[in-house]
């Protein structure tokens, strides 16, 4: 079975990916926890410095990621749609004259957010499939990923 589709990556899609990637990792969890503890410490002790510290920690990362996503979306690579072809051997991605192939066995993991399906090709690199671009093919894409990757590596919700 082969499955082909095109996706367009915009700032909103990149931001969604960056939020998920950051806040499911240890640095994002730690930063959020310390920020929340700063706010709680303010309410317990009344020191304004704790509130300021906590709010800065809580707000910095999402704002920083949003600005980075906006900047990255201006990259010429994201101006044109990416064409994906999923086969029994792996996933082909092409744009213009450039084409790359990744075997299913080499895939790191597959996860989902409310806006996207994310197929990690390494610990930090991923192919992002916006749900809005997949449309009716979303179920087929999930089925293809689930069939070719170990269940331990697939964390996709509909």
N, C-alpha and C. Protein backbone atom coordinates (compact mmCIF):
# COMPACT_ATOMS: atom_id res chain seq x y z
N UNK A 1 0.85 -1.19 0.00
CA UNK A 1 0.00 0.00 0.00
C UNK A 1 0.89 1.25 0.00
N UNK A 2 0.52 2.21 -0.79
CA UNK A 2 1.20 3.50 -0.82
C UNK A 2 0.21 4.59 -0.49
N UNK A 3 0.73 5.62 0.14
CA UNK A 3 -0.11 6.74 0.54
C UNK A 3 0.64 8.02 0.22
N UNK A 4 0.02 8.93 -0.52
CA UNK A 4 0.67 10.18 -0.89
C UNK A 4 -0.19 11.36 -0.45
N UNK A 5 0.48 12.41 0.02
CA UNK A 5 -0.21 13.63 0.43
C UNK A 5 0.77 14.79 0.49
N UNK A 6 0.23 15.99 0.45
CA UNK A 6 1.03 17.21 0.55
C UNK A 6 0.67 17.93 1.83
N UNK A 7 1.68 18.56 2.45
CA UNK A 7 1.44 19.36 3.65
C UNK A 7 2.12 20.71 3.49
N UNK A 8 1.52 21.71 4.07
CA UNK A 8 2.08 23.07 4.09
C UNK A 8 2.35 23.41 5.55
N UNK A 9 3.60 23.71 5.85
CA UNK A 9 3.99 24.03 7.21
C UNK A 9 3.94 25.54 7.40
N UNK A 10 3.13 26.00 8.35
CA UNK A 10 3.05 27.43 8.64
C UNK A 10 3.48 27.68 10.09
N UNK A 11 3.46 28.93 10.50
CA UNK A 11 3.92 29.30 11.85
C UNK A 11 3.10 28.60 12.93
N UNK A 12 1.80 28.48 12.73
CA UNK A 12 0.94 27.84 13.71
C UNK A 12 1.31 26.36 13.89
N UNK A 13 1.58 25.69 12.79
CA UNK A 13 1.98 24.27 12.85
C UNK A 13 3.33 24.12 13.53
N UNK A 14 4.27 24.99 13.19
CA UNK A 14 5.58 24.94 13.84
C UNK A 14 5.47 25.22 15.33
N UNK A 15 4.65 26.18 15.72
CA UNK A 15 4.47 26.51 17.13
C UNK A 15 3.88 25.32 17.89
N UNK A 16 2.90 24.68 17.30
CA UNK A 16 2.29 23.50 17.91
C UNK A 16 3.33 22.41 18.13
N UNK A 17 4.16 22.16 17.12
CA UNK A 17 5.23 21.17 17.24
C UNK A 17 6.23 21.57 18.34
N UNK A 18 6.66 22.82 18.32
CA UNK A 18 7.65 23.28 19.30
C UNK A 18 7.12 23.20 20.72
N UNK A 19 5.85 23.57 20.92
CA UNK A 19 5.25 23.47 22.25
C UNK A 19 5.27 22.02 22.73
N UNK A 20 4.82 21.12 21.87
CA UNK A 20 4.78 19.71 22.26
C UNK A 20 6.18 19.19 22.56
N UNK A 21 7.11 19.47 21.66
CA UNK A 21 8.47 18.97 21.81
C UNK A 21 9.12 19.50 23.10
N UNK A 22 8.91 20.77 23.38
CA UNK A 22 9.53 21.40 24.55
C UNK A 22 8.88 20.95 25.85
N UNK A 23 7.55 20.99 25.91
CA UNK A 23 6.87 20.74 27.18
C UNK A 23 6.63 19.28 27.49
N UNK A 24 7.05 18.38 26.62
CA UNK A 24 7.04 16.96 26.98
C UNK A 24 8.44 16.50 27.35
N UNK A 25 9.41 17.39 27.21
CA UNK A 25 10.79 17.08 27.59
C UNK A 25 11.08 17.54 29.01
N UNK A 26 12.18 17.10 29.54
CA UNK A 26 12.51 17.40 30.93
C UNK A 26 12.73 18.90 31.18
N UNK A 27 13.34 19.62 30.25
CA UNK A 27 13.57 21.05 30.45
C UNK A 27 12.26 21.83 30.54
N UNK A 28 11.31 21.50 29.68
CA UNK A 28 10.02 22.18 29.70
C UNK A 28 9.23 21.88 30.97
N UNK A 29 9.26 20.63 31.39
CA UNK A 29 8.56 20.23 32.61
C UNK A 29 9.19 20.90 33.83
N UNK A 30 10.52 20.90 33.87
CA UNK A 30 11.22 21.51 35.00
C UNK A 30 10.96 23.02 35.06
N UNK A 31 11.04 23.70 33.92
CA UNK A 31 10.79 25.14 33.89
C UNK A 31 9.39 25.50 34.33
N UNK A 32 8.41 24.74 33.87
CA UNK A 32 7.02 24.98 34.26
C UNK A 32 6.83 24.73 35.75
N UNK A 33 7.42 23.67 36.25
CA UNK A 33 7.29 23.34 37.67
C UNK A 33 7.91 24.42 38.55
N UNK A 34 9.11 24.87 38.20
CA UNK A 34 9.78 25.91 38.99
C UNK A 34 8.99 27.22 38.92
N UNK A 35 8.47 27.55 37.73
CA UNK A 35 7.66 28.76 37.59
C UNK A 35 6.40 28.70 38.44
N UNK A 36 5.73 27.55 38.41
CA UNK A 36 4.51 27.39 39.21
C UNK A 36 4.83 27.45 40.70
N UNK A 37 5.95 26.88 41.10
CA UNK A 37 6.35 26.95 42.51
C UNK A 37 6.64 28.39 42.93
N UNK A 38 7.19 29.19 42.01
CA UNK A 38 7.42 30.60 42.31
C UNK A 38 6.11 31.34 42.58
N UNK A 39 5.10 31.06 41.79
CA UNK A 39 3.79 31.69 41.98
C UNK A 39 3.17 31.22 43.30
N UNK A 40 3.26 29.93 43.59
CA UNK A 40 2.73 29.39 44.85
C UNK A 40 3.48 30.01 46.03
N UNK A 41 4.79 30.15 45.91
CA UNK A 41 5.58 30.75 46.99
C UNK A 41 5.14 32.19 47.25
N UNK A 42 4.78 32.92 46.19
CA UNK A 42 4.28 34.28 46.36
C UNK A 42 3.01 34.28 47.21
N UNK A 43 2.09 33.38 46.90
CA UNK A 43 0.83 33.35 47.65
C UNK A 43 1.03 32.88 49.09
N UNK A 44 2.05 32.11 49.32
CA UNK A 44 2.31 31.64 50.68
C UNK A 44 3.08 32.67 51.50
N UNK A 45 4.03 33.37 50.87
CA UNK A 45 4.89 34.30 51.61
C UNK A 45 4.63 35.77 51.32
N UNK A 46 4.00 36.06 50.19
CA UNK A 46 3.70 37.44 49.84
C UNK A 46 4.86 38.23 49.26
N UNK A 47 5.97 37.58 48.94
CA UNK A 47 7.11 38.28 48.34
C UNK A 47 6.86 38.46 46.85
N UNK A 48 6.80 39.69 46.41
CA UNK A 48 6.53 40.01 45.01
C UNK A 48 7.60 39.42 44.08
N UNK A 49 8.81 39.32 44.56
CA UNK A 49 9.90 38.77 43.75
C UNK A 49 9.59 37.33 43.30
N UNK A 50 8.96 36.54 44.16
CA UNK A 50 8.59 35.18 43.79
C UNK A 50 7.58 35.18 42.64
N UNK A 51 6.61 36.07 42.70
CA UNK A 51 5.60 36.16 41.65
C UNK A 51 6.24 36.55 40.32
N UNK A 52 7.08 37.55 40.34
CA UNK A 52 7.75 38.01 39.13
C UNK A 52 8.60 36.88 38.53
N UNK A 53 9.38 36.24 39.39
CA UNK A 53 10.22 35.12 38.96
C UNK A 53 9.37 34.00 38.35
N UNK A 54 8.30 33.63 39.02
CA UNK A 54 7.43 32.55 38.54
C UNK A 54 6.77 32.89 37.22
N UNK A 55 6.24 34.11 37.10
CA UNK A 55 5.58 34.50 35.86
C UNK A 55 6.55 34.59 34.69
N UNK A 56 7.75 35.06 34.95
CA UNK A 56 8.76 35.12 33.89
C UNK A 56 9.07 33.70 33.39
N UNK A 57 9.27 32.79 34.33
CA UNK A 57 9.56 31.41 33.93
C UNK A 57 8.39 30.78 33.17
N UNK A 58 7.17 31.05 33.59
CA UNK A 58 6.00 30.48 32.93
C UNK A 58 5.76 31.08 31.55
N UNK A 59 6.04 32.36 31.39
CA UNK A 59 5.72 33.04 30.13
C UNK A 59 6.86 33.01 29.12
N UNK A 60 8.09 32.95 29.58
CA UNK A 60 9.24 33.07 28.67
C UNK A 60 9.24 31.99 27.58
N UNK A 61 9.12 30.76 27.96
CA UNK A 61 9.25 29.66 27.00
C UNK A 61 8.18 29.72 25.90
N UNK A 62 6.88 29.84 26.22
CA UNK A 62 5.89 29.90 25.15
C UNK A 62 6.07 31.11 24.23
N UNK A 63 6.40 32.26 24.81
CA UNK A 63 6.60 33.46 23.98
C UNK A 63 7.82 33.28 23.09
N UNK A 64 8.88 32.76 23.65
CA UNK A 64 10.11 32.51 22.89
C UNK A 64 9.85 31.52 21.74
N UNK A 65 9.11 30.47 22.02
CA UNK A 65 8.79 29.48 20.98
C UNK A 65 7.91 30.09 19.89
N UNK A 66 6.97 30.93 20.27
CA UNK A 66 6.09 31.58 19.30
C UNK A 66 6.91 32.46 18.35
N UNK A 67 7.80 33.24 18.90
CA UNK A 67 8.64 34.12 18.08
C UNK A 67 9.56 33.31 17.16
N UNK A 68 10.10 32.21 17.68
CA UNK A 68 10.96 31.35 16.86
C UNK A 68 10.16 30.69 15.73
N UNK A 69 8.94 30.26 16.02
CA UNK A 69 8.09 29.65 14.99
C UNK A 69 7.77 30.67 13.89
N UNK A 70 7.47 31.90 14.28
CA UNK A 70 7.19 32.96 13.30
C UNK A 70 8.40 33.20 12.40
N UNK A 71 9.59 33.25 13.01
CA UNK A 71 10.83 33.46 12.25
C UNK A 71 11.11 32.28 11.32
N UNK A 72 10.95 31.08 11.85
CA UNK A 72 11.25 29.88 11.07
C UNK A 72 10.28 29.71 9.91
N UNK A 73 9.04 30.12 10.08
CA UNK A 73 8.04 29.99 9.02
C UNK A 73 8.39 30.86 7.81
N UNK A 74 9.22 31.86 8.01
CA UNK A 74 9.65 32.72 6.90
C UNK A 74 10.75 32.07 6.06
N UNK A 75 11.31 30.96 6.55
CA UNK A 75 12.35 30.23 5.83
C UNK A 75 11.80 29.76 4.48
N UNK A 76 12.56 29.93 3.40
CA UNK A 76 12.09 29.53 2.07
C UNK A 76 11.65 28.06 1.98
N UNK A 77 12.22 27.20 2.82
CA UNK A 77 11.84 25.78 2.80
C UNK A 77 10.34 25.61 3.09
N UNK A 78 9.79 26.46 3.91
CA UNK A 78 8.39 26.32 4.31
C UNK A 78 7.43 27.07 3.39
N UNK A 79 7.92 27.71 2.35
CA UNK A 79 7.07 28.45 1.42
C UNK A 79 6.29 27.51 0.50
N UNK A 80 6.94 26.41 0.12
CA UNK A 80 6.33 25.44 -0.79
C UNK A 80 5.85 24.21 0.00
N UNK A 81 4.79 23.56 -0.46
CA UNK A 81 4.32 22.35 0.24
C UNK A 81 5.35 21.22 0.14
N UNK A 82 5.33 20.35 1.13
CA UNK A 82 6.15 19.14 1.13
C UNK A 82 5.28 17.99 0.65
N UNK A 83 5.82 17.16 -0.21
CA UNK A 83 5.07 16.00 -0.72
C UNK A 83 5.60 14.74 -0.02
N UNK A 84 4.70 14.00 0.62
CA UNK A 84 5.08 12.77 1.32
C UNK A 84 4.50 11.57 0.59
N UNK A 85 5.29 10.51 0.57
CA UNK A 85 4.85 9.24 0.00
C UNK A 85 5.24 8.15 0.99
N UNK A 86 4.26 7.54 1.61
CA UNK A 86 4.50 6.45 2.56
C UNK A 86 4.35 5.13 1.82
N UNK A 87 5.39 4.30 1.92
CA UNK A 87 5.36 2.99 1.28
C UNK A 87 5.63 1.92 2.34
N UNK A 88 5.67 0.69 1.93
CA UNK A 88 5.96 -0.41 2.85
C UNK A 88 7.39 -0.34 3.37
N UNK A 89 8.28 0.30 2.62
CA UNK A 89 9.69 0.39 3.01
C UNK A 89 9.97 1.57 3.94
N UNK A 90 9.25 2.66 3.75
CA UNK A 90 9.51 3.85 4.55
C UNK A 90 8.77 5.07 4.02
N UNK A 91 9.31 6.24 4.32
CA UNK A 91 8.65 7.50 3.98
C UNK A 91 9.57 8.33 3.09
N UNK A 92 9.04 8.73 1.94
CA UNK A 92 9.73 9.63 1.02
C UNK A 92 9.17 11.02 1.24
N UNK A 93 10.05 12.01 1.29
CA UNK A 93 9.60 13.40 1.34
C UNK A 93 10.31 14.15 0.23
N UNK A 94 9.55 14.93 -0.51
CA UNK A 94 10.16 15.68 -1.61
C UNK A 94 9.59 17.09 -1.66
N UNK A 95 10.43 17.96 -2.20
CA UNK A 95 10.04 19.34 -2.42
C UNK A 95 10.88 19.83 -3.58
N UNK A 96 10.22 20.15 -4.68
CA UNK A 96 10.96 20.54 -5.87
C UNK A 96 11.82 19.38 -6.35
N UNK A 97 13.11 19.62 -6.52
CA UNK A 97 14.05 18.60 -6.99
C UNK A 97 14.65 17.77 -5.86
N UNK A 98 14.44 18.19 -4.61
CA UNK A 98 15.03 17.52 -3.46
C UNK A 98 14.12 16.38 -2.98
N UNK A 99 14.74 15.24 -2.69
CA UNK A 99 13.98 14.09 -2.21
C UNK A 99 14.80 13.34 -1.16
N UNK A 100 14.15 12.91 -0.08
CA UNK A 100 14.81 12.14 0.97
C UNK A 100 13.95 10.94 1.33
N UNK A 101 14.63 9.91 1.84
CA UNK A 101 13.94 8.68 2.22
C UNK A 101 14.36 8.29 3.63
N UNK A 102 13.40 7.83 4.42
CA UNK A 102 13.67 7.36 5.78
C UNK A 102 12.97 6.01 5.95
N UNK A 103 13.74 4.98 6.35
CA UNK A 103 13.16 3.65 6.57
C UNK A 103 12.30 3.66 7.83
N UNK A 104 11.29 2.82 7.84
CA UNK A 104 10.42 2.71 9.02
C UNK A 104 11.23 2.29 10.25
N UNK A 105 12.20 1.40 10.07
CA UNK A 105 13.00 0.91 11.19
C UNK A 105 13.83 2.02 11.83
N UNK A 106 14.12 3.07 11.06
CA UNK A 106 14.94 4.16 11.57
C UNK A 106 14.13 5.27 12.25
N UNK A 107 12.82 5.16 12.20
CA UNK A 107 11.97 6.18 12.82
C UNK A 107 12.09 6.11 14.34
N UNK A 108 12.13 7.26 14.96
CA UNK A 108 12.34 7.35 16.40
C UNK A 108 11.04 7.12 17.18
N UNK A 109 10.00 7.90 16.83
CA UNK A 109 8.69 7.72 17.47
C UNK A 109 7.65 8.51 16.69
N UNK A 110 6.39 8.27 16.98
CA UNK A 110 5.28 9.00 16.37
C UNK A 110 4.35 9.45 17.49
N UNK A 111 3.99 10.73 17.47
CA UNK A 111 3.11 11.29 18.49
C UNK A 111 2.06 12.17 17.80
N UNK A 112 1.11 12.63 18.58
CA UNK A 112 0.10 13.51 18.03
C UNK A 112 -0.18 14.67 18.97
N UNK A 113 -0.64 15.75 18.38
CA UNK A 113 -1.16 16.89 19.13
C UNK A 113 -2.56 17.12 18.58
N UNK A 114 -3.23 18.12 19.09
CA UNK A 114 -4.56 18.42 18.56
C UNK A 114 -4.50 18.88 17.11
N UNK A 115 -3.38 19.48 16.70
CA UNK A 115 -3.27 20.04 15.36
C UNK A 115 -2.46 19.19 14.38
N UNK A 116 -1.63 18.28 14.88
CA UNK A 116 -0.70 17.58 13.99
C UNK A 116 -0.42 16.15 14.41
N UNK A 117 0.07 15.39 13.42
CA UNK A 117 0.71 14.11 13.69
C UNK A 117 2.20 14.38 13.49
N UNK A 118 3.03 13.89 14.37
CA UNK A 118 4.45 14.17 14.32
C UNK A 118 5.20 12.84 14.26
N UNK A 119 5.99 12.69 13.20
CA UNK A 119 6.78 11.48 13.00
C UNK A 119 8.25 11.86 13.17
N UNK A 120 8.80 11.51 14.33
CA UNK A 120 10.19 11.85 14.64
C UNK A 120 11.12 10.94 13.85
N UNK A 121 12.04 11.56 13.12
CA UNK A 121 13.04 10.80 12.37
C UNK A 121 14.32 10.67 13.19
N UNK A 122 14.44 11.45 14.23
CA UNK A 122 15.53 11.36 15.21
C UNK A 122 14.98 11.96 16.50
N UNK A 123 15.83 12.09 17.49
CA UNK A 123 15.37 12.62 18.77
C UNK A 123 14.88 14.06 18.66
N UNK A 124 15.44 14.84 17.72
CA UNK A 124 15.07 16.25 17.60
C UNK A 124 14.49 16.63 16.24
N UNK A 125 14.59 15.79 15.24
CA UNK A 125 14.04 16.09 13.90
C UNK A 125 12.76 15.33 13.66
N UNK A 126 11.84 15.98 12.95
CA UNK A 126 10.55 15.34 12.74
C UNK A 126 9.91 15.78 11.44
N UNK A 127 9.02 14.94 10.97
CA UNK A 127 8.12 15.30 9.88
C UNK A 127 6.80 15.64 10.55
N UNK A 128 6.25 16.80 10.20
CA UNK A 128 5.02 17.27 10.82
C UNK A 128 3.91 17.17 9.78
N UNK A 129 2.83 16.49 10.15
CA UNK A 129 1.68 16.35 9.26
C UNK A 129 0.49 17.08 9.88
N UNK A 130 0.21 18.32 9.46
CA UNK A 130 -0.94 19.03 10.01
C UNK A 130 -2.24 18.27 9.70
N UNK A 131 -3.06 18.08 10.70
CA UNK A 131 -4.32 17.34 10.52
C UNK A 131 -5.20 17.99 9.45
N UNK A 132 -5.16 19.33 9.38
CA UNK A 132 -6.00 20.04 8.40
C UNK A 132 -5.60 19.70 6.97
N UNK A 133 -4.31 19.41 6.74
CA UNK A 133 -3.84 19.05 5.41
C UNK A 133 -4.11 17.59 5.08
N UNK A 134 -4.18 16.74 6.09
CA UNK A 134 -4.41 15.32 5.86
C UNK A 134 -5.86 15.02 5.52
N UNK A 135 -6.76 15.76 6.14
CA UNK A 135 -8.19 15.54 5.88
C UNK A 135 -8.59 14.09 6.11
N UNK A 136 -9.23 13.50 5.11
CA UNK A 136 -9.74 12.13 5.22
C UNK A 136 -8.61 11.10 5.25
N UNK A 137 -7.43 11.47 4.80
CA UNK A 137 -6.30 10.54 4.78
C UNK A 137 -5.68 10.34 6.17
N UNK A 138 -6.12 11.12 7.15
CA UNK A 138 -5.56 11.05 8.49
C UNK A 138 -5.61 9.64 9.06
N UNK A 139 -6.73 8.97 8.91
CA UNK A 139 -6.89 7.61 9.43
C UNK A 139 -5.93 6.66 8.72
N UNK A 140 -5.75 6.83 7.41
CA UNK A 140 -4.83 5.98 6.66
C UNK A 140 -3.38 6.22 7.08
N UNK A 141 -3.03 7.48 7.33
CA UNK A 141 -1.67 7.80 7.77
C UNK A 141 -1.40 7.16 9.14
N UNK A 142 -2.34 7.30 10.06
CA UNK A 142 -2.18 6.70 11.39
C UNK A 142 -2.07 5.18 11.28
N UNK A 143 -2.88 4.59 10.43
CA UNK A 143 -2.85 3.15 10.23
C UNK A 143 -1.50 2.70 9.67
N UNK A 144 -0.98 3.46 8.70
CA UNK A 144 0.31 3.12 8.09
C UNK A 144 1.44 3.23 9.13
N UNK A 145 1.43 4.29 9.91
CA UNK A 145 2.45 4.46 10.95
C UNK A 145 2.36 3.33 11.97
N UNK A 146 1.16 3.04 12.42
CA UNK A 146 0.95 2.00 13.44
C UNK A 146 1.35 0.62 12.94
N UNK A 147 1.16 0.38 11.66
CA UNK A 147 1.48 -0.93 11.08
C UNK A 147 2.99 -1.14 10.94
N UNK A 148 3.73 -0.06 10.74
CA UNK A 148 5.16 -0.21 10.45
C UNK A 148 6.09 0.15 11.61
N UNK A 149 5.55 0.68 12.68
CA UNK A 149 6.38 1.03 13.83
C UNK A 149 5.96 0.23 15.04
N UNK A 150 6.90 0.00 15.92
CA UNK A 150 6.63 -0.72 17.16
C UNK A 150 5.58 0.03 17.98
N UNK A 151 4.63 -0.68 18.60
CA UNK A 151 3.62 -0.01 19.42
C UNK A 151 4.21 0.86 20.53
N UNK A 152 5.42 0.52 20.99
CA UNK A 152 6.07 1.33 22.03
C UNK A 152 6.46 2.70 21.51
N UNK A 153 6.65 2.82 20.21
CA UNK A 153 7.08 4.07 19.60
C UNK A 153 5.91 4.95 19.13
N UNK A 154 4.70 4.44 19.16
CA UNK A 154 3.55 5.17 18.62
C UNK A 154 2.66 5.64 19.77
N UNK A 155 2.51 6.96 19.86
CA UNK A 155 1.66 7.58 20.88
C UNK A 155 0.72 8.56 20.18
N UNK A 156 -0.17 8.01 19.37
CA UNK A 156 -1.08 8.85 18.58
C UNK A 156 -2.50 8.70 19.10
N UNK A 157 -3.14 9.85 19.29
CA UNK A 157 -4.56 9.89 19.66
C UNK A 157 -5.32 10.48 18.48
N UNK A 158 -6.53 10.02 18.32
CA UNK A 158 -7.37 10.59 17.27
C UNK A 158 -7.91 11.88 17.79
